[in-house]
Amino acid sequence: MSRGLWFVAGAGAGVYAMVRGRRAAEALSPDGLRDRAGAVALGARMFRDEVAQGRAEAETDLRRRLAASDPRALESQHQHDTQHQIQHHHPEQEGTS
């Protein structure tokens, strides 16, 4: 029984090592490196877009709070929001949110 157990354990360790080796070889191949670089670029682009969106939301919130304390600023805020929406309208993103 002991020999059978060691045989199964050795075979399992060999299969595990072979799978890990193939994954490492794929990750270091030109295609694997290209995929990783693409993923990093996509992540950076998504992060940049999220930061820009957060900044725009914070600015809009701040302008609304300031407009609440100054009624004359309300009309100015409406004009700014309208211009901002026109400048940042992306038709390819319609229906995705």
C-alpha atoms as a PDB file:
ATOM      1  CA  MET A   1       0.000   0.000   0.000  1.00  0.00           C
ATOM      2  CA  SER A   2       2.833   2.389   0.803  1.00  0.00           C
ATOM      3  CA  ARG A   3       4.383   2.056  -2.673  1.00  0.00           C
ATOM      4  CA  GLY A   4       1.049   2.797  -4.380  1.00  0.00           C
ATOM      5  CA  LEU A   5       0.558   5.896  -2.264  1.00  0.00           C
ATOM      6  CA  TRP A   6       4.028   7.226  -3.113  1.00  0.00           C
ATOM      7  CA  PHE A   7       3.470   6.455  -6.801  1.00  0.00           C
ATOM      8  CA  VAL A   8       0.210   8.462  -6.853  1.00  0.00           C
ATOM      9  CA  ALA A   9       1.813  11.312  -4.901  1.00  0.00           C
ATOM     10  CA  GLY A  10       4.764  11.420  -7.315  1.00  0.00           C
ATOM     11  CA  ALA A  11       2.518  11.331 -10.374  1.00  0.00           C
ATOM     12  CA  GLY A  12       0.376  14.150  -8.950  1.00  0.00           C
ATOM     13  CA  ALA A  13       3.446  16.256  -8.195  1.00  0.00           C
ATOM     14  CA  GLY A  14       4.748  15.648 -11.724  1.00  0.00           C
ATOM     15  CA  VAL A  15       1.467  16.708 -13.331  1.00  0.00           C
ATOM     16  CA  TYR A  16       1.327  19.804 -11.107  1.00  0.00           C
ATOM     17  CA  ALA A  17       4.901  20.790 -12.013  1.00  0.00           C
ATOM     18  CA  MET A  18       4.229  20.258 -15.723  1.00  0.00           C
ATOM     19  CA  VAL A  19       1.092  22.451 -15.652  1.00  0.00           C
ATOM     20  CA  ARG A  20       2.906  25.199 -13.736  1.00  0.00           C
ATOM     21  CA  GLY A  21       5.814  25.040 -16.174  1.00  0.00           C
ATOM     22  CA  ARG A  22       3.518  25.397 -19.175  1.00  0.00           C
ATOM     23  CA  ARG A  23       1.782  28.393 -17.603  1.00  0.00           C
ATOM     24  CA  ALA A  24       5.116  30.068 -16.871  1.00  0.00           C
ATOM     25  CA  ALA A  25       6.334  29.402 -20.418  1.00  0.00           C
ATOM     26  CA  GLU A  26       3.125  30.887 -21.859  1.00  0.00           C
ATOM     27  CA  ALA A  27       3.402  33.966 -19.652  1.00  0.00           C
ATOM     28  CA  LEU A  28       6.964  34.595 -20.823  1.00  0.00           C
ATOM     29  CA  SER A  29       6.291  33.966 -24.518  1.00  0.00           C
ATOM     30  CA  PRO A  30       5.938  36.965 -26.868  1.00  0.00           C
ATOM     31  CA  ASP A  31       2.149  36.470 -27.027  1.00  0.00           C
ATOM     32  CA  GLY A  32       1.906  36.163 -23.254  1.00  0.00           C
ATOM     33  CA  LEU A  33       3.961  39.310 -22.693  1.00  0.00           C
ATOM     34  CA  ARG A  34       1.886  41.164 -25.303  1.00  0.00           C
ATOM     35  CA  ASP A  35      -1.307  40.085 -23.533  1.00  0.00           C
ATOM     36  CA  ARG A  36       0.038  41.280 -20.190  1.00  0.00           C
ATOM     37  CA  ALA A  37       1.113  44.628 -21.660  1.00  0.00           C
ATOM     38  CA  GLY A  38      -2.334  45.046 -23.208  1.00  0.00           C
ATOM     39  CA  ALA A  39      -3.973  44.280 -19.876  1.00  0.00           C
ATOM     40  CA  VAL A  40      -1.786  46.859 -18.112  1.00  0.00           C
ATOM     41  CA  ALA A  41      -2.649  49.484 -20.751  1.00  0.00           C
ATOM     42  CA  LEU A  42      -6.355  48.712 -20.438  1.00  0.00           C
ATOM     43  CA  GLY A  43      -6.176  48.938 -16.654  1.00  0.00           C
ATOM     44  CA  ALA A  44      -4.393  52.290 -16.839  1.00  0.00           C
ATOM     45  CA  ARG A  45      -6.957  53.624 -19.322  1.00  0.00           C
ATOM     46  CA  MET A  46      -9.858  52.493 -17.120  1.00  0.00           C
ATOM     47  CA  PHE A  47      -8.225  54.054 -14.048  1.00  0.00           C
ATOM     48  CA  ARG A  48      -7.688  57.348 -15.905  1.00  0.00           C
ATOM     49  CA  ASP A  49     -11.338  57.399 -17.029  1.00  0.00           C
ATOM     50  CA  GLU A  50     -12.588  56.660 -13.507  1.00  0.00           C
ATOM     51  CA  VAL A  51     -10.466  59.463 -12.052  1.00  0.00           C
ATOM     52  CA  ALA A  52     -11.709  61.907 -14.703  1.00  0.00           C
ATOM     53  CA  GLN A  53     -15.316  60.923 -14.044  1.00  0.00           C
ATOM     54  CA  GLY A  54     -14.868  61.309 -10.286  1.00  0.00           C
ATOM     55  CA  ARG A  55     -13.245  64.692 -10.754  1.00  0.00           C
ATOM     56  CA  ALA A  56     -16.107  65.869 -12.987  1.00  0.00           C
ATOM     57  CA  GLU A  57     -18.710  64.637 -10.488  1.00  0.00           C
ATOM     58  CA  ALA A  58     -16.910  66.370  -7.615  1.00  0.00           C
ATOM     59  CA  GLU A  59     -16.707  69.604  -9.593  1.00  0.00           C
ATOM     60  CA  THR A  60     -20.417  69.446 -10.458  1.00  0.00           C
ATOM     61  CA  ASP A  61     -21.306  68.762  -6.830  1.00  0.00           C
ATOM     62  CA  LEU A  62     -19.159  71.655  -5.651  1.00  0.00           C
ATOM     63  CA  ARG A  63     -20.684  74.019  -8.225  1.00  0.00           C
ATOM     64  CA  ARG A  64     -24.198  73.017  -7.142  1.00  0.00           C
ATOM     65  CA  ARG A  65     -23.369  73.602  -3.481  1.00  0.00           C
ATOM     66  CA  LEU A  66     -21.884  77.000  -4.301  1.00  0.00           C
ATOM     67  CA  ALA A  67     -24.896  77.842  -6.467  1.00  0.00           C
ATOM     68  CA  ALA A  68     -27.225  77.050  -3.555  1.00  0.00           C
ATOM     69  CA  SER A  69     -25.553  79.790  -1.519  1.00  0.00           C
ATOM     70  CA  ASP A  70     -25.534  82.274  -4.461  1.00  0.00           C
ATOM     71  CA  PRO A  71     -28.764  82.326  -6.547  1.00  0.00           C
ATOM     72  CA  ARG A  72     -27.064  84.305  -9.343  1.00  0.00           C
ATOM     73  CA  ALA A  73     -24.645  81.424  -9.905  1.00  0.00           C
ATOM     74  CA  LEU A  74     -27.501  78.999 -10.672  1.00  0.00           C
ATOM     75  CA  GLU A  75     -27.898  80.219 -14.267  1.00  0.00           C
ATOM     76  CA  SER A  76     -24.139  80.138 -14.781  1.00  0.00           C
ATOM     77  CA  GLN A  77     -24.067  76.544 -13.473  1.00  0.00           C
ATOM     78  CA  HIS A  78     -26.796  75.469 -15.895  1.00  0.00           C
ATOM     79  CA  GLN A  79     -24.849  76.917 -18.830  1.00  0.00           C
ATOM     80  CA  HIS A  80     -21.648  75.172 -17.665  1.00  0.00           C
ATOM     81  CA  ASP A  81     -23.419  71.790 -17.298  1.00  0.00           C
ATOM     82  CA  THR A  82     -24.926  72.084 -20.761  1.00  0.00           C
ATOM     83  CA  GLN A  83     -21.563  72.915 -22.336  1.00  0.00           C
ATOM     84  CA  HIS A  84     -19.866  70.094 -20.408  1.00  0.00           C
ATOM     85  CA  GLN A  85     -22.446  67.556 -21.620  1.00  0.00           C
ATOM     86  CA  ILE A  86     -22.032  68.670 -25.231  1.00  0.00           C
ATOM     87  CA  GLN A  87     -18.219  68.540 -25.067  1.00  0.00           C
ATOM     88  CA  HIS A  88     -18.057  65.125 -23.394  1.00  0.00           C
ATOM     89  CA  HIS A  89     -20.830  63.324 -25.292  1.00  0.00           C
ATOM     90  CA  HIS A  90     -19.584  59.968 -26.621  1.00  0.00           C
ATOM     91  CA  PRO A  91     -22.164  58.293 -28.919  1.00  0.00           C
ATOM     92  CA  GLU A  92     -20.290  54.955 -28.850  1.00  0.00           C
ATOM     93  CA  GLN A  93     -20.935  54.712 -25.107  1.00  0.00           C
ATOM     94  CA  GLU A  94     -24.722  55.154 -25.362  1.00  0.00           C
ATOM     95  CA  GLY A  95     -26.658  52.287 -23.895  1.00  0.00           C
ATOM     96  CA  THR A  96     -23.669  50.856 -21.997  1.00  0.00           C
ATOM     97  CA  SER A  97     -24.363  52.481 -18.635  1.00  0.00           C
END
